[in-house]
Amino acid sequence: QVQLVESGGGLVQAGGSLRLSCAASGRIFSISATGWYRQAPGKQRELVATITSGGNTIYADSVKGRFTISTDNAKNTVYLQMNSQKPEDTAVYYCNVWAGPGAFHGVAYWGNGTLVTVSS
């Protein structure tokens, strides 16, 4: 059974930093990419950052230059370093793992989310 557990959320002032962690348990085969999504109140869930198994990264325009995604495969953990936080970053952040050979052939796993609140 696969389980993703996010941690590291909390309250931070604008301009501050947080690091989110996502620890995976259970066996996941053929991981293509891992990433972070977020959902703010009244908004759709959006992609924040993703990193492929080959190390390529993609960031939402709103977080480029401020957020960094990384993985520690030995620890089965993916991180999201969030610097220069803005109130607009306030959201529930979700960890995602895509397991499969490609975009249309695989399984997505999700964590339950961790709340990040950025005060102005």
PDB file of N, CA and C in Angstrom:
ATOM      1  N   GLN A   1       0.844  -1.178   0.000  1.00  0.00           N
ATOM      2  CA  GLN A   1       0.000   0.000   0.000  1.00  0.00           C
ATOM      3  C   GLN A   1       0.891   1.244   0.000  1.00  0.00           C
ATOM      4  N   VAL A   2       0.610   2.162  -0.905  1.00  0.00           N
ATOM      5  CA  VAL A   2       1.387   3.380  -1.044  1.00  0.00           C
ATOM      6  C   VAL A   2       0.749   4.493  -0.234  1.00  0.00           C
ATOM      7  N   GLN A   3       1.588   5.227   0.468  1.00  0.00           N
ATOM      8  CA  GLN A   3       1.116   6.361   1.242  1.00  0.00           C
ATOM      9  C   GLN A   3       2.113   7.503   1.116  1.00  0.00           C
ATOM     10  N   LEU A   4       1.598   8.702   0.882  1.00  0.00           N
ATOM     11  CA  LEU A   4       2.409   9.906   0.831  1.00  0.00           C
ATOM     12  C   LEU A   4       1.985  10.815   1.971  1.00  0.00           C
ATOM     13  N   VAL A   5       2.944  11.268   2.750  1.00  0.00           N
ATOM     14  CA  VAL A   5       2.654  12.108   3.902  1.00  0.00           C
ATOM     15  C   VAL A   5       3.466  13.389   3.801  1.00  0.00           C
ATOM     16  N   GLU A   6       2.756  14.516   3.721  1.00  0.00           N
ATOM     17  CA  GLU A   6       3.409  15.818   3.664  1.00  0.00           C
ATOM     18  C   GLU A   6       3.634  16.357   5.071  1.00  0.00           C
ATOM     19  N   SER A   7       4.675  17.150   5.215  1.00  0.00           N
ATOM     20  CA  SER A   7       4.957  17.810   6.473  1.00  0.00           C
ATOM     21  C   SER A   7       5.712  19.103   6.192  1.00  0.00           C
ATOM     22  N   GLY A   8       5.791  19.946   7.192  1.00  0.00           N
ATOM     23  CA  GLY A   8       6.554  21.177   7.076  1.00  0.00           C
ATOM     24  C   GLY A   8       5.732  22.427   6.882  1.00  0.00           C
ATOM     25  N   GLY A   9       4.442  22.269   6.718  1.00  0.00           N
ATOM     26  CA  GLY A   9       3.595  23.431   6.567  1.00  0.00           C
ATOM     27  C   GLY A   9       3.442  24.173   7.876  1.00  0.00           C
ATOM     28  N   GLY A  10       2.925  25.367   7.775  1.00  0.00           N
ATOM     29  CA  GLY A  10       2.733  26.178   8.956  1.00  0.00           C
ATOM     30  C   GLY A  10       2.541  27.627   8.600  1.00  0.00           C
ATOM     31  N   LEU A  11       2.769  28.470   9.576  1.00  0.00           N
ATOM     32  CA  LEU A  11       2.609  29.907   9.422  1.00  0.00           C
ATOM     33  C   LEU A  11       3.967  30.564   9.253  1.00  0.00           C
ATOM     34  N   VAL A  12       4.070  31.420   8.254  1.00  0.00           N
ATOM     35  CA  VAL A  12       5.307  32.141   8.003  1.00  0.00           C
ATOM     36  C   VAL A  12       4.971  33.555   7.557  1.00  0.00           C
ATOM     37  N   GLN A  13       5.832  34.486   7.910  1.00  0.00           N
ATOM     38  CA  GLN A  13       5.642  35.861   7.470  1.00  0.00           C
ATOM     39  C   GLN A  13       6.097  36.033   6.032  1.00  0.00           C
ATOM     40  N   ALA A  14       5.521  37.002   5.365  1.00  0.00           N
ATOM     41  CA  ALA A  14       5.961  37.317   4.013  1.00  0.00           C
ATOM     42  C   ALA A  14       7.459  37.576   3.998  1.00  0.00           C
ATOM     43  N   GLY A  15       8.114  36.998   3.011  1.00  0.00           N
ATOM     44  CA  GLY A  15       9.556  37.102   2.916  1.00  0.00           C
ATOM     45  C   GLY A  15      10.294  35.968   3.584  1.00  0.00           C
ATOM     46  N   GLY A  16       9.597  35.180   4.362  1.00  0.00           N
ATOM     47  CA  GLY A  16      10.212  34.072   5.056  1.00  0.00           C
ATOM     48  C   GLY A  16      10.273  32.818   4.211  1.00  0.00           C
ATOM     49  N   SER A  17      10.693  31.731   4.838  1.00  0.00           N
ATOM     50  CA  SER A  17      10.910  30.480   4.126  1.00  0.00           C
ATOM     51  C   SER A  17      10.324  29.300   4.880  1.00  0.00           C
ATOM     52  N   LEU A  18       9.937  28.305   4.129  1.00  0.00           N
ATOM     53  CA  LEU A  18       9.512  27.018   4.655  1.00  0.00           C
ATOM     54  C   LEU A  18      10.031  25.930   3.733  1.00  0.00           C
ATOM     55  N   ARG A  19      10.225  24.756   4.285  1.00  0.00           N
ATOM     56  CA  ARG A  19      10.560  23.602   3.477  1.00  0.00           C
ATOM     57  C   ARG A  19       9.559  22.503   3.734  1.00  0.00           C
ATOM     58  N   LEU A  20       8.905  22.093   2.680  1.00  0.00           N
ATOM     59  CA  LEU A  20       7.946  21.008   2.764  1.00  0.00           C
ATOM     60  C   LEU A  20       8.628  19.689   2.434  1.00  0.00           C
ATOM     61  N   SER A  21       8.181  18.651   3.105  1.00  0.00           N
ATOM     62  CA  SER A  21       8.691  17.319   2.845  1.00  0.00           C
ATOM     63  C   SER A  21       7.536  16.389   2.530  1.00  0.00           C
ATOM     64  N   CYS A  22       7.798  15.441   1.689  1.00  0.00           N
ATOM     65  CA  CYS A  22       6.820  14.413   1.353  1.00  0.00           C
ATOM     66  C   CYS A  22       7.518  13.073   1.434  1.00  0.00           C
ATOM     67  N   ALA A  23       7.120  12.281   2.401  1.00  0.00           N
ATOM     68  CA  ALA A  23       7.712  10.969   2.595  1.00  0.00           C
ATOM     69  C   ALA A  23       6.790   9.899   2.046  1.00  0.00           C
ATOM     70  N   ALA A  24       7.350   9.025   1.259  1.00  0.00           N
ATOM     71  CA  ALA A  24       6.585   7.952   0.642  1.00  0.00           C
ATOM     72  C   ALA A  24       6.868   6.639   1.337  1.00  0.00           C
ATOM     73  N   SER A  25       5.822   5.898   1.587  1.00  0.00           N
ATOM     74  CA  SER A  25       5.952   4.553   2.114  1.00  0.00           C
ATOM     75  C   SER A  25       5.235   3.593   1.183  1.00  0.00           C
ATOM     76  N   GLY A  26       5.607   2.345   1.266  1.00  0.00           N
ATOM     77  CA  GLY A  26       5.068   1.381   0.334  1.00  0.00           C
ATOM     78  C   GLY A  26       5.890   1.361  -0.942  1.00  0.00           C
ATOM     79  N   ARG A  27       5.606   0.409  -1.759  1.00  0.00           N
ATOM     80  CA  ARG A  27       6.390   0.212  -2.967  1.00  0.00           C
ATOM     81  C   ARG A  27       5.761   0.929  -4.149  1.00  0.00           C
ATOM     82  N   ILE A  28       6.562   1.755  -4.787  1.00  0.00           N
ATOM     83  CA  ILE A  28       6.137   2.459  -5.986  1.00  0.00           C
ATOM     84  C   ILE A  28       7.104   2.096  -7.106  1.00  0.00           C
ATOM     85  N   PHE A  29       6.561   1.580  -8.159  1.00  0.00           N
ATOM     86  CA  PHE A  29       7.375   1.166  -9.293  1.00  0.00           C
ATOM     87  C   PHE A  29       7.349   2.214 -10.396  1.00  0.00           C
ATOM     88  N   SER A  30       8.456   2.322 -11.077  1.00  0.00           N
ATOM     89  CA  SER A  30       8.561   3.122 -12.299  1.00  0.00           C
ATOM     90  C   SER A  30       8.093   4.563 -12.102  1.00  0.00           C
ATOM     91  N   ILE A  31       8.691   5.242 -11.160  1.00  0.00           N
ATOM     92  CA  ILE A  31       8.348   6.639 -10.919  1.00  0.00           C
ATOM     93  C   ILE A  31       8.871   7.498 -12.070  1.00  0.00           C
ATOM     94  N   SER A  32       7.967   8.214 -12.697  1.00  0.00           N
ATOM     95  CA  SER A  32       8.343   9.110 -13.781  1.00  0.00           C
ATOM     96  C   SER A  32       8.613  10.523 -13.292  1.00  0.00           C
ATOM     97  N   ALA A  33       7.817  10.963 -12.321  1.00  0.00           N
ATOM     98  CA  ALA A  33       7.964  12.321 -11.828  1.00  0.00           C
ATOM     99  C   ALA A  33       7.332  12.446 -10.458  1.00  0.00           C
ATOM    100  N   THR A  34       7.819  13.404  -9.714  1.00  0.00           N
ATOM    101  CA  THR A  34       7.193  13.783  -8.456  1.00  0.00           C
ATOM    102  C   THR A  34       6.982  15.284  -8.479  1.00  0.00           C
ATOM    103  N   GLY A  35       6.035  15.744  -7.697  1.00  0.00           N
ATOM    104  CA  GLY A  35       5.777  17.168  -7.733  1.00  0.00           C
ATOM    105  C   GLY A  35       4.938  17.648  -6.579  1.00  0.00           C
ATOM    106  N   TRP A  36       4.754  18.940  -6.587  1.00  0.00           N
ATOM    107  CA  TRP A  36       3.941  19.612  -5.594  1.00  0.00           C
ATOM    108  C   TRP A  36       2.847  20.412  -6.282  1.00  0.00           C
ATOM    109  N   TYR A  37       1.662  20.283  -5.762  1.00  0.00           N
ATOM    110  CA  TYR A  37       0.527  21.071  -6.189  1.00  0.00           C
ATOM    111  C   TYR A  37       0.015  21.860  -4.990  1.00  0.00           C
ATOM    112  N   ARG A  38      -0.766  22.872  -5.270  1.00  0.00           N
ATOM    113  CA  ARG A  38      -1.374  23.620  -4.187  1.00  0.00           C
ATOM    114  C   ARG A  38      -2.773  24.059  -4.572  1.00  0.00           C
ATOM    115  N   GLN A  39      -3.583  24.258  -3.567  1.00  0.00           N
ATOM    116  CA  GLN A  39      -4.933  24.727  -3.774  1.00  0.00           C
ATOM    117  C   GLN A  39      -5.250  25.794  -2.740  1.00  0.00           C
ATOM    118  N   ALA A  40      -5.461  26.993  -3.227  1.00  0.00           N
ATOM    119  CA  ALA A  40      -5.832  28.107  -2.375  1.00  0.00           C
ATOM    120  C   ALA A  40      -7.350  28.164  -2.255  1.00  0.00           C
ATOM    121  N   PRO A  41      -7.847  28.806  -1.223  1.00  0.00           N
ATOM    122  CA  PRO A  41      -9.301  28.912  -1.057  1.00  0.00           C
ATOM    123  C   PRO A  41      -9.969  29.511  -2.284  1.00  0.00           C
ATOM    124  N   GLY A  42     -10.981  28.834  -2.781  1.00  0.00           N
ATOM    125  CA  GLY A  42     -11.725  29.324  -3.922  1.00  0.00           C
ATOM    126  C   GLY A  42     -11.037  29.173  -5.261  1.00  0.00           C
ATOM    127  N   LYS A  43      -9.908  28.491  -5.298  1.00  0.00           N
ATOM    128  CA  LYS A  43      -9.169  28.334  -6.538  1.00  0.00           C
ATOM    129  C   LYS A  43      -8.977  26.866  -6.879  1.00  0.00           C
ATOM    130  N   GLN A  44      -8.642  26.631  -8.140  1.00  0.00           N
ATOM    131  CA  GLN A  44      -8.349  25.289  -8.604  1.00  0.00           C
ATOM    132  C   GLN A  44      -6.974  24.843  -8.114  1.00  0.00           C
ATOM    133  N   ARG A  45      -6.820  23.544  -7.982  1.00  0.00           N
ATOM    134  CA  ARG A  45      -5.511  23.018  -7.665  1.00  0.00           C
ATOM    135  C   ARG A  45      -4.576  23.255  -8.843  1.00  0.00           C
ATOM    136  N   GLU A  46      -3.385  23.721  -8.547  1.00  0.00           N
ATOM    137  CA  GLU A  46      -2.440  24.050  -9.588  1.00  0.00           C
ATOM    138  C   GLU A  46      -1.087  23.411  -9.323  1.00  0.00           C
ATOM    139  N   LEU A  47      -0.379  23.173 -10.400  1.00  0.00           N
ATOM    140  CA  LEU A  47       0.973  22.653 -10.295  1.00  0.00           C
ATOM    141  C   LEU A  47       1.905  23.744  -9.807  1.00  0.00           C
ATOM    142  N   VAL A  48       2.701  23.419  -8.816  1.00  0.00           N
ATOM    143  CA  VAL A  48       3.701  24.338  -8.296  1.00  0.00           C
ATOM    144  C   VAL A  48       5.070  24.013  -8.878  1.00  0.00           C
ATOM    145  N   ALA A  49       5.450  22.760  -8.768  1.00  0.00           N
ATOM    146  CA  ALA A  49       6.751  22.332  -9.260  1.00  0.00           C
ATOM    147  C   ALA A  49       6.739  20.839  -9.473  1.00  0.00           C
ATOM    148  N   THR A  50       7.507  20.395 -10.434  1.00  0.00           N
ATOM    149  CA  THR A  50       7.643  18.970 -10.677  1.00  0.00           C
ATOM    150  C   THR A  50       9.079  18.667 -11.058  1.00  0.00           C
ATOM    151  N   ILE A  51       9.502  17.469 -10.746  1.00  0.00           N
ATOM    152  CA  ILE A  51      10.832  17.016 -11.112  1.00  0.00           C
ATOM    153  C   ILE A  51      10.712  15.600 -11.648  1.00  0.00           C
ATOM    154  N   THR A  52      11.305  15.366 -12.795  1.00  0.00           N
ATOM    155  CA  THR A  52      11.245  14.053 -13.412  1.00  0.00           C
ATOM    156  C   THR A  52      12.327  13.160 -12.839  1.00  0.00           C
ATOM    157  N   SER A  53      12.214  11.890 -13.167  1.00  0.00           N
ATOM    158  CA  SER A  53      13.221  10.938 -12.711  1.00  0.00           C
ATOM    159  C   SER A  53      14.597  11.265 -13.267  1.00  0.00           C
ATOM    160  N   GLY A  54      14.635  11.995 -14.373  1.00  0.00           N
ATOM    161  CA  GLY A  54      15.888  12.412 -14.962  1.00  0.00           C
ATOM    162  C   GLY A  54      16.439  13.707 -14.396  1.00  0.00           C
ATOM    163  N   GLY A  55      15.701  14.329 -13.482  1.00  0.00           N
ATOM    164  CA  GLY A  55      16.177  15.534 -12.837  1.00  0.00           C
ATOM    165  C   GLY A  55      15.713  16.833 -13.462  1.00  0.00           C
ATOM    166  N   ASN A  56      14.891  16.757 -14.490  1.00  0.00           N
ATOM    167  CA  ASN A  56      14.362  17.975 -15.096  1.00  0.00           C
ATOM    168  C   ASN A  56      13.269  18.567 -14.222  1.00  0.00           C
ATOM    169  N   THR A  57      13.259  19.869 -14.124  1.00  0.00           N
ATOM    170  CA  THR A  57      12.300  20.551 -13.268  1.00  0.00           C
ATOM    171  C   THR A  57      11.443  21.524 -14.054  1.00  0.00           C
ATOM    172  N   ILE A  58      10.235  21.693 -13.582  1.00  0.00           N
ATOM    173  CA  ILE A  58       9.306  22.674 -14.129  1.00  0.00           C
ATOM    174  C   ILE A  58       8.659  23.397 -12.962  1.00  0.00           C
ATOM    175  N   TYR A  59       8.571  24.707 -13.072  1.00  0.00           N
ATOM    176  CA  TYR A  59       7.982  25.514 -12.024  1.00  0.00           C
ATOM    177  C   TYR A  59       6.884  26.390 -12.586  1.00  0.00           C
ATOM    178  N   ALA A  60       5.885  26.617 -11.765  1.00  0.00           N
ATOM    179  CA  ALA A  60       4.888  27.609 -12.120  1.00  0.00           C
ATOM    180  C   ALA A  60       5.554  28.975 -12.194  1.00  0.00           C
ATOM    181  N   ASP A  61       5.080  29.801 -13.107  1.00  0.00           N
ATOM    182  CA  ASP A  61       5.668  31.125 -13.263  1.00  0.00           C
ATOM    183  C   ASP A  61       5.646  31.919 -11.959  1.00  0.00           C
ATOM    184  N   SER A  62       4.630  31.712 -11.169  1.00  0.00           N
ATOM    185  CA  SER A  62       4.469  32.477  -9.950  1.00  0.00           C
ATOM    186  C   SER A  62       5.508  32.147  -8.878  1.00  0.00           C
ATOM    187  N   VAL A  63       6.194  31.021  -9.023  1.00  0.00           N
ATOM    188  CA  VAL A  63       7.155  30.619  -7.994  1.00  0.00           C
ATOM    189  C   VAL A  63       8.575  30.526  -8.511  1.00  0.00           C
ATOM    190  N   LYS A  64       8.780  30.761  -9.786  1.00  0.00           N
ATOM    191  CA  LYS A  64      10.117  30.671 -10.352  1.00  0.00           C
ATOM    192  C   LYS A  64      11.068  31.631  -9.646  1.00  0.00           C
ATOM    193  N   GLY A  65      12.226  31.112  -9.319  1.00  0.00           N
ATOM    194  CA  GLY A  65      13.215  31.911  -8.628  1.00  0.00           C
ATOM    195  C   GLY A  65      13.057  31.937  -7.132  1.00  0.00           C
ATOM    196  N   ARG A  66      11.940  31.433  -6.635  1.00  0.00           N
ATOM    197  CA  ARG A  66      11.684  31.428  -5.198  1.00  0.00           C
ATOM    198  C   ARG A  66      11.603  30.025  -4.612  1.00  0.00           C
ATOM    199  N   PHE A  67      11.053  29.093  -5.378  1.00  0.00           N
ATOM    200  CA  PHE A  67      10.867  27.725  -4.902  1.00  0.00           C
ATOM    201  C   PHE A  67      11.844  26.788  -5.592  1.00  0.00           C
ATOM    202  N   THR A  68      12.223  25.745  -4.883  1.00  0.00           N
ATOM    203  CA  THR A  68      13.098  24.728  -5.438  1.00  0.00           C
ATOM    204  C   THR A  68      12.598  23.351  -5.038  1.00  0.00           C
ATOM    205  N   ILE A  69      12.439  22.483  -6.017  1.00  0.00           N
ATOM    206  CA  ILE A  69      12.026  21.117  -5.745  1.00  0.00           C
ATOM    207  C   ILE A  69      13.242  20.208  -5.832  1.00  0.00           C
ATOM    208  N   SER A  70      13.293  19.231  -4.957  1.00  0.00           N
ATOM    209  CA  SER A  70      14.393  18.286  -4.955  1.00  0.00           C
ATOM    210  C   SER A  70      13.923  16.965  -4.382  1.00  0.00           C
ATOM    211  N   THR A  71      14.711  15.935  -4.591  1.00  0.00           N
ATOM    212  CA  THR A  71      14.370  14.612  -4.084  1.00  0.00           C
ATOM    213  C   THR A  71      15.570  13.972  -3.417  1.00  0.00           C
ATOM    214  N   ASP A  72      15.273  13.086  -2.510  1.00  0.00           N
ATOM    215  CA  ASP A  72      16.274  12.229  -1.903  1.00  0.00           C
ATOM    216  C   ASP A  72      15.735  10.818  -2.062  1.00  0.00           C
ATOM    217  N   ASN A  73      16.163  10.171  -3.112  1.00  0.00           N
ATOM    218  CA  ASN A  73      15.607   8.863  -3.434  1.00  0.00           C
ATOM    219  C   ASN A  73      15.911   7.813  -2.367  1.00  0.00           C
ATOM    220  N   ALA A  74      17.057   7.938  -1.738  1.00  0.00           N
ATOM    221  CA  ALA A  74      17.407   6.989  -0.689  1.00  0.00           C
ATOM    222  C   ALA A  74      16.446   7.067   0.482  1.00  0.00           C
ATOM    223  N   LYS A  75      15.876   8.241   0.699  1.00  0.00           N
ATOM    224  CA  LYS A  75      14.925   8.437   1.790  1.00  0.00           C
ATOM    225  C   LYS A  75      13.481   8.428   1.318  1.00  0.00           C
ATOM    226  N   ASN A  76      13.286   8.199   0.027  1.00  0.00           N
ATOM    227  CA  ASN A  76      11.940   8.208  -0.545  1.00  0.00           C
ATOM    228  C   ASN A  76      11.200   9.491  -0.198  1.00  0.00           C
ATOM    229  N   THR A  77      11.885  10.594  -0.382  1.00  0.00           N
ATOM    230  CA  THR A  77      11.353  11.882   0.039  1.00  0.00           C
ATOM    231  C   THR A  77      11.548  12.925  -1.051  1.00  0.00           C
ATOM    232  N   VAL A  78      10.546  13.761  -1.221  1.00  0.00           N
ATOM    233  CA  VAL A  78      10.634  14.901  -2.114  1.00  0.00           C
ATOM    234  C   VAL A  78      10.427  16.163  -1.287  1.00  0.00           C
ATOM    235  N   TYR A  79      11.169  17.206  -1.627  1.00  0.00           N
ATOM    236  CA  TYR A  79      11.138  18.443  -0.870  1.00  0.00           C
ATOM    237  C   TYR A  79      10.702  19.606  -1.746  1.00  0.00           C
ATOM    238  N   LEU A  80      10.167  20.596  -1.096  1.00  0.00           N
ATOM    239  CA  LEU A  80       9.889  21.864  -1.747  1.00  0.00           C
ATOM    240  C   LEU A  80      10.396  22.969  -0.842  1.00  0.00           C
ATOM    241  N   GLN A  81      11.491  23.579  -1.242  1.00  0.00           N
ATOM    242  CA  GLN A  81      12.034  24.714  -0.516  1.00  0.00           C
ATOM    243  C   GLN A  81      11.358  25.971  -1.020  1.00  0.00           C
ATOM    244  N   MET A  82      10.733  26.698  -0.126  1.00  0.00           N
ATOM    245  CA  MET A  82       9.980  27.881  -0.484  1.00  0.00           C
ATOM    246  C   MET A  82      10.609  29.089   0.189  1.00  0.00           C
ATOM    247  N   ASN A  83      11.189  29.957  -0.612  1.00  0.00           N
ATOM    248  CA  ASN A  83      11.815  31.172  -0.124  1.00  0.00           C
ATOM    249  C   ASN A  83      11.031  32.393  -0.586  1.00  0.00           C
ATOM    250  N   SER A  84      11.323  33.510   0.044  1.00  0.00           N
ATOM    251  CA  SER A  84      10.675  34.769  -0.316  1.00  0.00           C
ATOM    252  C   SER A  84       9.166  34.601  -0.418  1.00  0.00           C
ATOM    253  N   GLN A  85       8.594  34.020   0.589  1.00  0.00           N
ATOM    254  CA  GLN A  85       7.185  33.689   0.572  1.00  0.00           C
ATOM    255  C   GLN A  85       6.309  34.932   0.451  1.00  0.00           C
ATOM    256  N   LYS A  86       5.230  34.758  -0.273  1.00  0.00           N
ATOM    257  CA  LYS A  86       4.252  35.812  -0.478  1.00  0.00           C
ATOM    258  C   LYS A  86       2.900  35.362   0.058  1.00  0.00           C
ATOM    259  N   PRO A  87       2.050  36.306   0.434  1.00  0.00           N
ATOM    260  CA  PRO A  87       0.709  35.917   0.876  1.00  0.00           C
ATOM    261  C   PRO A  87      -0.037  35.074  -0.150  1.00  0.00           C
ATOM    262  N   GLU A  88       0.248  35.298  -1.417  1.00  0.00           N
ATOM    263  CA  GLU A  88      -0.394  34.525  -2.471  1.00  0.00           C
ATOM    264  C   GLU A  88      -0.002  33.054  -2.451  1.00  0.00           C
ATOM    265  N   ASP A  89       1.029  32.712  -1.703  1.00  0.00           N
ATOM    266  CA  ASP A  89       1.441  31.320  -1.580  1.00  0.00           C
ATOM    267  C   ASP A  89       0.587  30.544  -0.584  1.00  0.00           C
ATOM    268  N   THR A  90      -0.273  31.227   0.124  1.00  0.00           N
ATOM    269  CA  THR A  90      -1.132  30.564   1.096  1.00  0.00           C
ATOM    270  C   THR A  90      -2.027  29.547   0.398  1.00  0.00           C
ATOM    271  N   ALA A  91      -1.925  28.304   0.824  1.00  0.00           N
ATOM    272  CA  ALA A  91      -2.676  27.232   0.189  1.00  0.00           C
ATOM    273  C   ALA A  91      -2.401  25.931   0.920  1.00  0.00           C
ATOM    274  N   VAL A  92      -3.177  24.930   0.583  1.00  0.00           N
ATOM    275  CA  VAL A  92      -2.858  23.576   0.984  1.00  0.00           C
ATOM    276  C   VAL A  92      -1.974  22.977  -0.097  1.00  0.00           C
ATOM    277  N   TYR A  93      -0.847  22.464   0.306  1.00  0.00           N
ATOM    278  CA  TYR A  93       0.115  21.911  -0.629  1.00  0.00           C
ATOM    279  C   TYR A  93       0.045  20.388  -0.609  1.00  0.00           C
ATOM    280  N   TYR A  94       0.009  19.807  -1.800  1.00  0.00           N
ATOM    281  CA  TYR A  94      -0.129  18.373  -1.956  1.00  0.00           C
ATOM    282  C   TYR A  94       1.069  17.797  -2.687  1.00  0.00           C
ATOM    283  N   CYS A  95       1.524  16.687  -2.204  1.00  0.00           N
ATOM    284  CA  CYS A  95       2.584  15.946  -2.861  1.00  0.00           C
ATOM    285  C   CYS A  95       1.969  14.986  -3.875  1.00  0.00           C
ATOM    286  N   ASN A  96       2.646  14.825  -4.993  1.00  0.00           N
ATOM    287  CA  ASN A  96       2.178  13.939  -6.046  1.00  0.00           C
ATOM    288  C   ASN A  96       3.321  13.093  -6.570  1.00  0.00           C
ATOM    289  N   VAL A  97       3.019  11.851  -6.834  1.00  0.00           N
ATOM    290  CA  VAL A  97       3.960  10.945  -7.489  1.00  0.00           C
ATOM    291  C   VAL A  97       3.262  10.322  -8.679  1.00  0.00           C
ATOM    292  N   TRP A  98       3.907  10.415  -9.822  1.00  0.00           N
ATOM    293  CA  TRP A  98       3.399   9.778 -11.025  1.00  0.00           C
ATOM    294  C   TRP A  98       4.258   8.560 -11.316  1.00  0.00           C
ATOM    295  N   ALA A  99       3.622   7.397 -11.302  1.00  0.00           N
ATOM    296  CA  ALA A  99       4.325   6.142 -11.530  1.00  0.00           C
ATOM    297  C   ALA A  99       3.860   5.544 -12.839  1.00  0.00           C
ATOM    298  N   GLY A 100       4.750   5.454 -13.779  1.00  0.00           N
ATOM    299  CA  GLY A 100       4.424   4.890 -15.066  1.00  0.00           C
ATOM    300  C   GLY A 100       5.423   5.327 -16.112  1.00  0.00           C
ATOM    301  N   PRO A 101       5.326   4.743 -17.294  1.00  0.00           N
ATOM    302  CA  PRO A 101       6.297   5.035 -18.353  1.00  0.00           C
ATOM    303  C   PRO A 101       6.091   6.364 -19.053  1.00  0.00           C
ATOM    304  N   GLY A 102       4.920   6.965 -18.909  1.00  0.00           N
ATOM    305  CA  GLY A 102       4.651   8.205 -19.597  1.00  0.00           C
ATOM    306  C   GLY A 102       3.453   8.930 -19.033  1.00  0.00           C
ATOM    307  N   ALA A 103       3.118  10.027 -19.679  1.00  0.00           N
ATOM    308  CA  ALA A 103       2.067  10.898 -19.176  1.00  0.00           C
ATOM    309  C   ALA A 103       0.692  10.244 -19.188  1.00  0.00           C
ATOM    310  N   PHE A 104       0.485   9.297 -20.061  1.00  0.00           N
ATOM    311  CA  PHE A 104      -0.838   8.691 -20.216  1.00  0.00           C
ATOM    312  C   PHE A 104      -0.885   7.220 -19.843  1.00  0.00           C
ATOM    313  N   HIS A 105       0.166   6.728 -19.258  1.00  0.00           N
ATOM    314  CA  HIS A 105       0.207   5.327 -18.854  1.00  0.00           C
ATOM    315  C   HIS A 105       0.866   5.226 -17.489  1.00  0.00           C
ATOM    316  N   GLY A 106       0.053   5.325 -16.461  1.00  0.00           N
ATOM    317  CA  GLY A 106       0.586   5.250 -15.123  1.00  0.00           C
ATOM    318  C   GLY A 106      -0.469   5.501 -14.071  1.00  0.00           C
ATOM    319  N   VAL A 107      -0.006   5.701 -12.850  1.00  0.00           N
ATOM    320  CA  VAL A 107      -0.872   5.908 -11.700  1.00  0.00           C
ATOM    321  C   VAL A 107      -0.372   7.103 -10.908  1.00  0.00           C
ATOM    322  N   ALA A 108      -1.293   7.942 -10.494  1.00  0.00           N
ATOM    323  CA  ALA A 108      -0.953   9.093  -9.672  1.00  0.00           C
ATOM    324  C   ALA A 108      -1.272   8.808  -8.210  1.00  0.00           C
ATOM    325  N   TYR A 109      -0.338   9.142  -7.358  1.00  0.00           N
ATOM    326  CA  TYR A 109      -0.526   9.024  -5.921  1.00  0.00           C
ATOM    327  C   TYR A 109      -0.502  10.415  -5.309  1.00  0.00           C
ATOM    328  N   TRP A 110      -1.324  10.602  -4.299  1.00  0.00           N
ATOM    329  CA  TRP A 110      -1.452  11.910  -3.667  1.00  0.00           C
ATOM    330  C   TRP A 110      -1.362  11.813  -2.154  1.00  0.00           C
ATOM    331  N   GLY A 111      -0.767  12.833  -1.558  1.00  0.00           N
ATOM    332  CA  GLY A 111      -0.828  12.982  -0.125  1.00  0.00           C
ATOM    333  C   GLY A 111      -2.085  13.724   0.268  1.00  0.00           C
ATOM    334  N   ASN A 112      -2.284  13.876   1.555  1.00  0.00           N
ATOM    335  CA  ASN A 112      -3.482  14.537   2.059  1.00  0.00           C
ATOM    336  C   ASN A 112      -3.328  16.042   2.218  1.00  0.00           C
ATOM    337  N   GLY A 113      -2.127  16.543   2.038  1.00  0.00           N
ATOM    338  CA  GLY A 113      -1.907  17.970   2.040  1.00  0.00           C
ATOM    339  C   GLY A 113      -1.378  18.513   3.350  1.00  0.00           C
ATOM    340  N   THR A 114      -0.685  19.629   3.246  1.00  0.00           N
ATOM    341  CA  THR A 114      -0.213  20.370   4.404  1.00  0.00           C
ATOM    342  C   THR A 114      -0.472  21.850   4.157  1.00  0.00           C
ATOM    343  N   LEU A 115      -0.964  22.520   5.168  1.00  0.00           N
ATOM    344  CA  LEU A 115      -1.374  23.910   5.017  1.00  0.00           C
ATOM    345  C   LEU A 115      -0.206  24.856   5.219  1.00  0.00           C
ATOM    346  N   VAL A 116      -0.058  25.774   4.274  1.00  0.00           N
ATOM    347  CA  VAL A 116       0.923  26.842   4.367  1.00  0.00           C
ATOM    348  C   VAL A 116       0.174  28.162   4.407  1.00  0.00           C
ATOM    349  N   THR A 117       0.441  28.950   5.427  1.00  0.00           N
ATOM    350  CA  THR A 117      -0.188  30.249   5.565  1.00  0.00           C
ATOM    351  C   THR A 117       0.900  31.316   5.638  1.00  0.00           C
ATOM    352  N   VAL A 118       0.831  32.266   4.728  1.00  0.00           N
ATOM    353  CA  VAL A 118       1.809  33.342   4.671  1.00  0.00           C
ATOM    354  C   VAL A 118       1.120  34.636   5.060  1.00  0.00           C
ATOM    355  N   SER A 119       1.561  35.229   6.130  1.00  0.00           N
ATOM    356  CA  SER A 119       0.962  36.456   6.618  1.00  0.00           C
ATOM    357  C   SER A 119       1.653  37.665   6.001  1.00  0.00           C
ATOM    358  N   SER A 120       0.892  38.716   5.797  1.00  0.00           N
ATOM    359  CA  SER A 120       1.422  39.932   5.209  1.00  0.00           C
ATOM    360  C   SER A 120       1.971  40.865   6.260  1.00  0.00           C
TER     361      SER A 120
END
